[in-house]
Amino acid sequence: MRAPAALVLLLGLAQSAGAQQTTDELTAACDQSGGQPCFRLAQLYAQGASVRQDARRADGLAVRACDTGVPEACTQLGRWLLQGLILDIDEHRALALFRRACEAGDGAGCEEASLAYERGTGVVPNLSTAIAYGTRGCEQGHPRSCLRLGDRYERGLDVATNEARAAGLYRTGCDLKEANSCVRLARMYEDGRGVGRDISRAIALYRRACEVGNSLACQLAVLREEGLM
């Protein structure tokens, strides 16, 4: 049964009023203390969600959040500056924000800085600096950083091959629920590369990768358990 038009209108007005109240509350909290309320508002203005999209307002709010203890806001603002969808592209400013976020403990900011130094985005390429930022990203709990670094050391991509180091990085990434890290480490246990050969450990790692969403790992675990690979 379709709701009466009047009821639909009332529901829409109620939702709009609720969204406005939330925006007003966030604005008051942001004005008072900065931090997360400012970051949430910045995202709303960037997306045009419950407010009219306003790139300049989103920029200013993200800066305030970044300045008042939310390093993820620094990282997000940097990404907006690289994407050029909300704000004009500014690679140099983006990199400065990524570095700042990393210094404040945001692993995602470290990973973005690592990619910038690797690719030469807003800076002269510098592989050693890229690796240093990637290492910090992994240490600060960013799983993708662990996977990328592990791959670099496993395959010797512009560094000396170090399978033991790769295994350690994959282990950290796996602990952070990065499924591909679990799979890569499982294969190293199967082959005895960088770690002692241990099939039961490999199966357990395939199982862990399966649990966090890698469907291929589910099949690999079954095949290995049944001795079919």
Protein backbone atom coordinates (compact mmCIF):
# COMPACT_ATOMS: atom_id res chain seq x y z
CA MET A 1 0.00 0.00 0.00
CA ARG A 2 1.37 3.40 -0.95
CA ALA A 3 1.67 5.98 1.82
CA PRO A 4 -0.62 9.04 1.42
CA ALA A 5 1.10 11.97 -0.24
CA ALA A 6 0.70 14.10 2.88
CA LEU A 7 2.47 11.47 4.99
CA VAL A 8 5.33 11.24 2.50
CA LEU A 9 5.69 15.02 2.63
CA LEU A 10 5.72 15.03 6.42
CA LEU A 11 8.34 12.29 6.54
CA GLY A 12 10.50 14.21 4.10
CA LEU A 13 10.21 17.39 6.15
CA ALA A 14 11.07 15.48 9.33
CA GLN A 15 14.17 13.97 7.73
CA SER A 16 15.23 17.37 6.43
CA ALA A 17 14.73 18.93 9.87
CA GLY A 18 16.72 16.10 11.45
CA ALA A 19 19.58 16.58 9.00
CA GLN A 20 19.58 20.33 9.63
CA GLN A 21 19.65 19.75 13.38
CA THR A 22 22.60 17.40 12.99
CA THR A 23 24.43 19.95 10.82
CA ASP A 24 23.70 22.71 13.32
CA GLU A 25 24.94 20.56 16.19
CA LEU A 26 28.12 19.69 14.30
CA THR A 27 28.68 23.36 13.46
CA ALA A 28 28.31 24.36 17.10
CA ALA A 29 30.67 21.61 18.24
CA CYS A 30 33.17 22.48 15.53
CA ASP A 31 33.10 26.17 16.46
CA GLN A 32 33.65 25.26 20.09
CA SER A 33 36.41 22.68 19.92
CA GLY A 34 37.30 21.76 16.33
CA GLY A 35 38.31 18.11 15.94
CA GLN A 36 36.02 15.39 14.64
CA PRO A 37 32.87 17.57 14.31
CA CYS A 38 34.77 19.80 11.88
CA PHE A 39 35.97 16.77 9.92
CA ARG A 40 32.44 15.35 9.69
CA LEU A 41 31.16 18.72 8.50
CA ALA A 42 33.96 18.96 5.94
CA GLN A 43 32.89 15.61 4.50
CA LEU A 44 29.25 16.73 4.32
CA TYR A 45 30.16 19.92 2.47
CA ALA A 46 32.48 18.02 0.14
CA GLN A 47 29.77 15.49 -0.72
CA GLY A 48 26.85 17.90 -0.71
CA ALA A 49 25.12 15.60 1.79
CA SER A 50 22.32 17.35 3.74
CA VAL A 51 23.99 20.68 2.86
CA ARG A 52 24.78 22.42 -0.40
CA GLN A 53 28.17 21.33 -1.71
CA ASP A 54 30.77 23.95 -0.87
CA ALA A 55 34.38 23.10 -1.68
CA ARG A 56 35.83 26.16 0.02
CA ARG A 57 33.89 25.43 3.20
CA ALA A 58 34.99 21.79 3.09
CA ASP A 59 38.61 22.90 2.72
CA GLY A 60 38.43 25.30 5.66
CA LEU A 61 36.73 22.78 7.92
CA ALA A 62 39.21 20.05 7.05
CA VAL A 63 42.08 22.42 7.83
CA ARG A 64 40.52 23.24 11.22
CA ALA A 65 40.07 19.53 11.95
CA CYS A 66 43.65 18.86 10.88
CA ASP A 67 44.88 21.71 13.11
CA THR A 68 42.93 20.42 16.11
CA GLY A 69 44.09 16.84 16.33
CA VAL A 70 42.46 14.84 13.54
CA PRO A 71 45.29 13.63 11.26
CA GLU A 72 42.81 11.69 9.09
CA ALA A 73 41.41 15.09 8.06
CA CYS A 74 44.86 16.11 6.81
CA THR A 75 45.01 12.92 4.75
CA GLN A 76 41.53 13.34 3.32
CA LEU A 77 42.15 16.95 2.37
CA GLY A 78 45.35 15.87 0.65
CA ARG A 79 43.42 13.29 -1.35
CA TRP A 80 40.86 15.89 -2.41
CA LEU A 81 43.73 18.07 -3.62
CA LEU A 82 45.15 15.22 -5.70
CA GLN A 83 41.83 14.10 -7.17
CA GLY A 84 40.83 17.52 -8.45
CA LEU A 85 37.14 16.63 -8.13
CA ILE A 86 36.29 18.98 -5.26
CA LEU A 87 39.28 21.32 -5.09
CA ASP A 88 41.83 22.41 -7.67
CA ILE A 89 44.77 20.02 -7.92
CA ASP A 90 47.68 21.05 -5.72
CA GLU A 91 50.27 18.27 -5.45
CA HIS A 92 52.71 20.22 -3.26
CA ARG A 93 50.07 21.11 -0.68
CA ALA A 94 48.74 17.55 -0.75
CA LEU A 95 52.17 16.11 0.02
CA ALA A 96 52.66 18.55 2.90
CA LEU A 97 49.35 17.39 4.35
CA PHE A 98 50.25 13.71 3.94
CA ARG A 99 53.56 14.25 5.71
CA ARG A 100 51.84 16.12 8.50
CA ALA A 101 49.24 13.37 8.90
CA CYS A 102 51.97 10.75 9.03
CA GLU A 103 53.88 12.67 11.69
CA ALA A 104 50.65 12.82 13.72
CA GLY A 105 50.19 9.04 13.55
CA ASP A 106 47.89 8.41 10.59
CA GLY A 107 49.22 5.39 8.70
CA ALA A 108 47.14 6.24 5.64
CA GLY A 109 48.91 9.59 5.45
CA CYS A 110 52.27 7.80 5.55
CA GLU A 111 51.18 5.54 2.69
CA GLU A 112 50.05 8.51 0.61
CA ALA A 113 53.39 10.24 1.25
CA SER A 114 55.20 7.04 0.28
CA LEU A 115 53.32 6.87 -3.00
CA ALA A 116 54.04 10.54 -3.70
CA TYR A 117 57.79 10.08 -3.23
CA GLU A 118 57.74 6.90 -5.26
CA ARG A 119 55.85 8.45 -8.18
CA GLY A 120 57.26 11.96 -7.98
CA THR A 121 53.90 13.54 -7.19
CA GLY A 122 54.62 17.08 -6.03
CA VAL A 123 58.24 16.21 -5.30
CA VAL A 124 61.38 14.80 -6.93
CA PRO A 125 61.12 10.98 -6.76
CA ASN A 126 63.07 9.51 -3.85
CA LEU A 127 62.85 5.76 -3.33
CA SER A 128 64.55 5.68 0.06
CA THR A 129 62.14 8.30 1.40
CA ALA A 130 59.22 6.41 -0.14
CA ILE A 131 60.31 3.24 1.65
CA ALA A 132 60.77 5.12 4.92
CA TYR A 133 57.23 6.49 4.77
CA GLY A 134 55.87 3.09 3.75
CA THR A 135 57.61 1.52 6.73
CA ARG A 136 56.08 4.09 9.06
CA GLY A 137 52.69 3.44 7.51
CA CYS A 138 52.97 -0.26 8.24
CA GLU A 139 54.18 0.40 11.78
CA GLN A 140 51.22 2.72 12.32
CA GLY A 141 48.77 0.03 11.28
CA HIS A 142 48.07 0.72 7.62
CA PRO A 143 47.75 -2.76 6.08
CA ARG A 144 48.30 -1.71 2.47
CA SER A 145 51.70 -0.28 3.40
CA CYS A 146 52.75 -3.65 4.81
CA LEU A 147 51.63 -5.48 1.67
CA ARG A 148 53.36 -3.10 -0.74
CA LEU A 149 56.61 -3.16 1.19
CA GLY A 150 56.49 -6.92 1.57
CA ASP A 151 56.06 -7.28 -2.18
CA ARG A 152 59.00 -4.95 -2.81
CA TYR A 153 61.34 -6.98 -0.57
CA GLU A 154 60.07 -10.36 -1.74
CA ARG A 155 60.63 -9.54 -5.40
CA GLY A 156 63.64 -7.26 -4.98
CA LEU A 157 61.97 -4.26 -6.61
CA ASP A 158 64.68 -1.57 -6.51
CA VAL A 159 65.97 -3.05 -3.24
CA ALA A 160 67.98 -6.13 -2.33
CA THR A 161 65.71 -9.17 -2.09
CA ASN A 162 65.00 -9.97 1.56
CA GLU A 163 62.44 -12.74 1.94
CA ALA A 164 62.65 -12.82 5.74
CA ARG A 165 61.82 -9.10 5.81
CA ALA A 166 59.01 -9.66 3.33
CA ALA A 167 57.55 -12.43 5.49
CA GLY A 168 57.60 -10.18 8.54
CA LEU A 169 55.79 -7.42 6.66
CA TYR A 170 53.19 -9.84 5.30
CA ARG A 171 52.67 -11.17 8.82
CA THR A 172 51.97 -7.68 10.11
CA GLY A 173 49.63 -7.00 7.21
CA CYS A 174 47.82 -10.28 7.79
CA ASP A 175 47.39 -9.43 11.48
CA LEU A 176 45.77 -6.21 10.26
CA LYS A 177 43.31 -8.29 8.17
CA GLU A 178 44.90 -7.58 4.79
CA ALA A 179 43.85 -10.78 3.02
CA ASN A 180 46.49 -10.61 0.27
CA SER A 181 49.23 -10.39 2.89
CA CYS A 182 47.91 -13.59 4.44
CA VAL A 183 47.96 -15.33 1.05
CA ARG A 184 51.48 -14.14 0.23
CA LEU A 185 52.75 -15.32 3.61
CA ALA A 186 50.98 -18.68 3.17
CA ARG A 187 52.84 -19.22 -0.09
CA MET A 188 56.14 -18.42 1.58
CA TYR A 189 55.39 -21.07 4.23
CA GLU A 190 54.53 -23.55 1.48
CA ASP A 191 57.84 -22.92 -0.28
CA GLY A 192 59.97 -22.38 2.81
CA ARG A 193 61.08 -18.95 1.61
CA GLY A 194 62.00 -16.47 4.35
CA VAL A 195 60.39 -18.81 6.89
CA GLY A 196 60.61 -22.52 7.68
CA ARG A 197 58.42 -24.70 5.44
CA ASP A 198 55.17 -25.37 7.31
CA ILE A 199 52.11 -26.60 5.38
CA SER A 200 49.77 -26.52 8.37
CA ARG A 201 50.72 -22.89 8.96
CA ALA A 202 50.11 -22.13 5.29
CA ILE A 203 46.63 -23.67 5.50
CA ALA A 204 45.84 -21.62 8.61
CA LEU A 205 46.87 -18.47 6.75
CA TYR A 206 44.72 -19.35 3.75
CA ARG A 207 41.85 -19.84 6.20
CA ARG A 208 42.50 -16.43 7.74
CA ALA A 209 42.53 -14.80 4.30
CA CYS A 210 39.27 -16.57 3.55
CA GLU A 211 37.71 -15.21 6.74
CA VAL A 212 38.53 -11.64 5.77
CA GLY A 213 37.06 -11.90 2.30
CA ASN A 214 39.47 -13.57 -0.14
CA SER A 215 37.35 -16.24 -1.87
CA LEU A 216 40.32 -17.71 -3.75
CA ALA A 217 42.04 -18.34 -0.41
CA CYS A 218 39.04 -20.43 0.66
CA GLN A 219 39.57 -22.71 -2.33
CA LEU A 220 43.33 -22.86 -1.76
CA ALA A 221 42.83 -23.92 1.86
CA VAL A 222 40.52 -26.80 0.82
CA LEU A 223 42.83 -27.93 -1.98
CA ARG A 224 45.87 -27.90 0.28
CA GLU A 225 44.04 -29.74 3.08
CA GLU A 226 42.96 -32.44 0.64
CA GLY A 227 46.46 -32.72 -0.82
CA LEU A 228 45.35 -31.60 -4.25
CA MET A 229 48.08 -28.97 -4.60
